[in-house]
Amino acid sequence: MLAAKWIFRIAGIYGLLVITPLFFADTSQMAEPVYYLGFAGIAFAFQILFLVISTDPGRYRPIMPVCVLEKLSTLPFIYLYLVGRGDEQFFFGGIADQVLAIAFIVAFLMTPKRDAA
């Protein structure tokens, strides 16, 4: 479970470092800043969840597949970039999230199930 602790801890810290600046971006030129800030808010909340999971992966194992889905939600960033409609910054963020999705799957598989109390 040590590996799972570190996977989620690193993901949470990395995510907080990447997501927090999004709240300070100039949204005055955006057509719909509410979507941008909504994404940032949900992503920020998940980084906190990753840090919580890192405290006791065995206890929080059932929520790990949801964390994989959160990481897979950035697949559209990659697609939009590849078809010429996306930003390079979001493309690389999407790639990083796919690496973390794989790491989360590994952490889930490595973390033993707890017996029901």
C-alpha atoms as a PDB file:
ATOM      1  CA  MET A   1       0.000   0.000   0.000  1.00  0.00           C
ATOM      2  CA  LEU A   2       3.013   2.272   0.256  1.00  0.00           C
ATOM      3  CA  ALA A   3       3.081   2.637  -3.535  1.00  0.00           C
ATOM      4  CA  ALA A   4      -0.618   3.560  -3.591  1.00  0.00           C
ATOM      5  CA  LYS A   5      -0.030   6.164  -0.883  1.00  0.00           C
ATOM      6  CA  TRP A   6       2.709   7.790  -2.914  1.00  0.00           C
ATOM      7  CA  ILE A   7       0.833   7.603  -6.209  1.00  0.00           C
ATOM      8  CA  PHE A   8      -2.147   9.459  -4.764  1.00  0.00           C
ATOM      9  CA  ARG A   9      -0.025  11.859  -2.714  1.00  0.00           C
ATOM     10  CA  ILE A  10       2.082  12.857  -5.714  1.00  0.00           C
ATOM     11  CA  ALA A  11      -1.019  13.167  -7.898  1.00  0.00           C
ATOM     12  CA  GLY A  12      -2.720  15.402  -5.310  1.00  0.00           C
ATOM     13  CA  ILE A  13       0.264  17.689  -4.816  1.00  0.00           C
ATOM     14  CA  TYR A  14       0.962  17.893  -8.560  1.00  0.00           C
ATOM     15  CA  GLY A  15      -2.700  18.614  -9.219  1.00  0.00           C
ATOM     16  CA  LEU A  16      -2.891  21.392  -6.644  1.00  0.00           C
ATOM     17  CA  LEU A  17       0.179  23.018  -8.172  1.00  0.00           C
ATOM     18  CA  VAL A  18      -1.333  22.826 -11.662  1.00  0.00           C
ATOM     19  CA  ILE A  19      -4.987  23.613 -10.873  1.00  0.00           C
ATOM     20  CA  THR A  20      -4.633  26.479  -8.370  1.00  0.00           C
ATOM     21  CA  PRO A  21      -3.285  29.007 -10.926  1.00  0.00           C
ATOM     22  CA  LEU A  22      -6.382  28.411 -13.090  1.00  0.00           C
ATOM     23  CA  PHE A  23      -8.411  30.391 -10.543  1.00  0.00           C
ATOM     24  CA  PHE A  24      -6.280  33.466 -11.204  1.00  0.00           C
ATOM     25  CA  ALA A  25      -6.515  33.417 -15.009  1.00  0.00           C
ATOM     26  CA  ASP A  26      -8.048  36.359 -16.845  1.00  0.00           C
ATOM     27  CA  THR A  27     -11.515  35.120 -17.780  1.00  0.00           C
ATOM     28  CA  SER A  28     -12.713  38.457 -19.198  1.00  0.00           C
ATOM     29  CA  GLN A  29     -12.128  37.318 -22.796  1.00  0.00           C
ATOM     30  CA  MET A  30     -13.860  33.950 -22.363  1.00  0.00           C
ATOM     31  CA  ALA A  31     -17.347  33.472 -23.774  1.00  0.00           C
ATOM     32  CA  GLU A  32     -18.386  31.187 -20.899  1.00  0.00           C
ATOM     33  CA  PRO A  33     -15.999  31.548 -17.936  1.00  0.00           C
ATOM     34  CA  VAL A  34     -18.400  29.588 -15.735  1.00  0.00           C
ATOM     35  CA  TYR A  35     -17.436  26.350 -17.534  1.00  0.00           C
ATOM     36  CA  TYR A  36     -13.736  27.064 -17.141  1.00  0.00           C
ATOM     37  CA  LEU A  37     -14.061  27.919 -13.454  1.00  0.00           C
ATOM     38  CA  GLY A  38     -16.445  24.989 -12.897  1.00  0.00           C
ATOM     39  CA  PHE A  39     -13.853  22.637 -14.345  1.00  0.00           C
ATOM     40  CA  ALA A  40     -11.166  24.186 -12.142  1.00  0.00           C
ATOM     41  CA  GLY A  41     -13.346  23.845  -9.038  1.00  0.00           C
ATOM     42  CA  ILE A  42     -14.194  20.197  -9.607  1.00  0.00           C
ATOM     43  CA  ALA A  43     -10.583  19.375 -10.503  1.00  0.00           C
ATOM     44  CA  PHE A  44      -9.378  21.150  -7.342  1.00  0.00           C
ATOM     45  CA  ALA A  45     -11.804  19.146  -5.193  1.00  0.00           C
ATOM     46  CA  PHE A  46     -10.512  15.901  -6.693  1.00  0.00           C
ATOM     47  CA  GLN A  47      -6.929  16.844  -5.806  1.00  0.00           C
ATOM     48  CA  ILE A  48      -8.026  17.071  -2.181  1.00  0.00           C
ATOM     49  CA  LEU A  49      -9.692  13.658  -2.568  1.00  0.00           C
ATOM     50  CA  PHE A  50      -6.408  12.206  -3.867  1.00  0.00           C
ATOM     51  CA  LEU A  51      -4.642  13.508  -0.763  1.00  0.00           C
ATOM     52  CA  VAL A  52      -7.333  11.975   1.469  1.00  0.00           C
ATOM     53  CA  ILE A  53      -6.955   8.614  -0.315  1.00  0.00           C
ATOM     54  CA  SER A  54      -3.186   8.807   0.227  1.00  0.00           C
ATOM     55  CA  THR A  55      -3.731   8.741   3.993  1.00  0.00           C
ATOM     56  CA  ASP A  56      -5.292   5.249   3.917  1.00  0.00           C
ATOM     57  CA  PRO A  57      -5.561   3.623   0.463  1.00  0.00           C
ATOM     58  CA  GLY A  58      -7.075   0.441   1.865  1.00  0.00           C
ATOM     59  CA  ARG A  59      -9.937   2.307   3.451  1.00  0.00           C
ATOM     60  CA  TYR A  60     -10.602   4.440   0.378  1.00  0.00           C
ATOM     61  CA  ARG A  61     -10.011   1.723  -2.248  1.00  0.00           C
ATOM     62  CA  PRO A  62     -13.668   1.688  -3.398  1.00  0.00           C
ATOM     63  CA  ILE A  63     -13.405   5.323  -4.579  1.00  0.00           C
ATOM     64  CA  MET A  64     -10.247   4.743  -6.658  1.00  0.00           C
ATOM     65  CA  PRO A  65     -12.144   3.788  -9.862  1.00  0.00           C
ATOM     66  CA  VAL A  66     -13.936   7.146  -9.677  1.00  0.00           C
ATOM     67  CA  CYS A  67     -10.516   8.810  -9.568  1.00  0.00           C
ATOM     68  CA  VAL A  68      -9.588   6.945 -12.749  1.00  0.00           C
ATOM     69  CA  LEU A  69     -12.726   8.346 -14.398  1.00  0.00           C
ATOM     70  CA  GLU A  70     -11.755  11.845 -13.296  1.00  0.00           C
ATOM     71  CA  LYS A  71      -8.415  11.445 -15.036  1.00  0.00           C
ATOM     72  CA  LEU A  72     -10.022   9.989 -18.161  1.00  0.00           C
ATOM     73  CA  SER A  73     -12.250  13.068 -18.351  1.00  0.00           C
ATOM     74  CA  THR A  74      -9.322  14.955 -19.892  1.00  0.00           C
ATOM     75  CA  LEU A  75      -9.283  12.729 -22.995  1.00  0.00           C
ATOM     76  CA  PRO A  76     -11.210  15.425 -24.921  1.00  0.00           C
ATOM     77  CA  PHE A  77      -8.251  17.777 -24.386  1.00  0.00           C
ATOM     78  CA  ILE A  78      -6.066  15.368 -26.329  1.00  0.00           C
ATOM     79  CA  TYR A  79      -8.669  14.854 -29.044  1.00  0.00           C
ATOM     80  CA  LEU A  80      -9.280  18.585 -29.523  1.00  0.00           C
ATOM     81  CA  TYR A  81      -5.568  19.242 -29.831  1.00  0.00           C
ATOM     82  CA  LEU A  82      -5.125  16.460 -32.381  1.00  0.00           C
ATOM     83  CA  VAL A  83      -7.921  17.841 -34.587  1.00  0.00           C
ATOM     84  CA  GLY A  84      -6.483  21.361 -34.382  1.00  0.00           C
ATOM     85  CA  ARG A  85      -9.029  22.854 -31.993  1.00  0.00           C
ATOM     86  CA  GLY A  86      -7.194  22.575 -28.687  1.00  0.00           C
ATOM     87  CA  ASP A  87      -4.485  24.287 -26.741  1.00  0.00           C
ATOM     88  CA  GLU A  88      -1.041  22.709 -26.379  1.00  0.00           C
ATOM     89  CA  GLN A  89      -1.040  23.357 -22.637  1.00  0.00           C
ATOM     90  CA  PHE A  90      -4.236  21.334 -22.162  1.00  0.00           C
ATOM     91  CA  PHE A  91      -2.914  18.616 -24.493  1.00  0.00           C
ATOM     92  CA  PHE A  92       0.104  18.005 -22.267  1.00  0.00           C
ATOM     93  CA  GLY A  93      -2.091  18.193 -19.176  1.00  0.00           C
ATOM     94  CA  GLY A  94      -4.312  15.552 -20.744  1.00  0.00           C
ATOM     95  CA  ILE A  95      -1.316  13.316 -21.403  1.00  0.00           C
ATOM     96  CA  ALA A  96      -0.159  13.720 -17.780  1.00  0.00           C
ATOM     97  CA  ASP A  97      -3.646  12.793 -16.592  1.00  0.00           C
ATOM     98  CA  GLN A  98      -3.657   9.632 -18.696  1.00  0.00           C
ATOM     99  CA  VAL A  99      -0.368   8.585 -17.097  1.00  0.00           C
ATOM    100  CA  LEU A 100      -1.943   9.208 -13.697  1.00  0.00           C
ATOM    101  CA  ALA A 101      -5.045   7.215 -14.715  1.00  0.00           C
ATOM    102  CA  ILE A 102      -2.788   4.239 -15.403  1.00  0.00           C
ATOM    103  CA  ALA A 103      -1.008   4.792 -12.076  1.00  0.00           C
ATOM    104  CA  PHE A 104      -4.386   4.901 -10.297  1.00  0.00           C
ATOM    105  CA  ILE A 105      -5.375   1.603 -11.902  1.00  0.00           C
ATOM    106  CA  VAL A 106      -2.093   0.083 -10.719  1.00  0.00           C
ATOM    107  CA  ALA A 107      -2.662   1.480  -7.212  1.00  0.00           C
ATOM    108  CA  PHE A 108      -6.184   0.038  -7.169  1.00  0.00           C
ATOM    109  CA  LEU A 109      -4.942  -3.396  -8.217  1.00  0.00           C
ATOM    110  CA  MET A 110      -2.084  -3.312  -5.693  1.00  0.00           C
ATOM    111  CA  THR A 111      -4.254  -2.258  -2.766  1.00  0.00           C
ATOM    112  CA  PRO A 112      -5.762  -5.229  -0.969  1.00  0.00           C
ATOM    113  CA  LYS A 113      -9.493  -5.312  -0.331  1.00  0.00           C
ATOM    114  CA  ARG A 114     -10.529  -4.795   3.263  1.00  0.00           C
ATOM    115  CA  ASP A 115     -12.856  -7.263   4.892  1.00  0.00           C
ATOM    116  CA  ALA A 116     -16.329  -5.903   5.515  1.00  0.00           C
ATOM    117  CA  ALA A 117     -16.809  -5.075   9.178  1.00  0.00           C
END
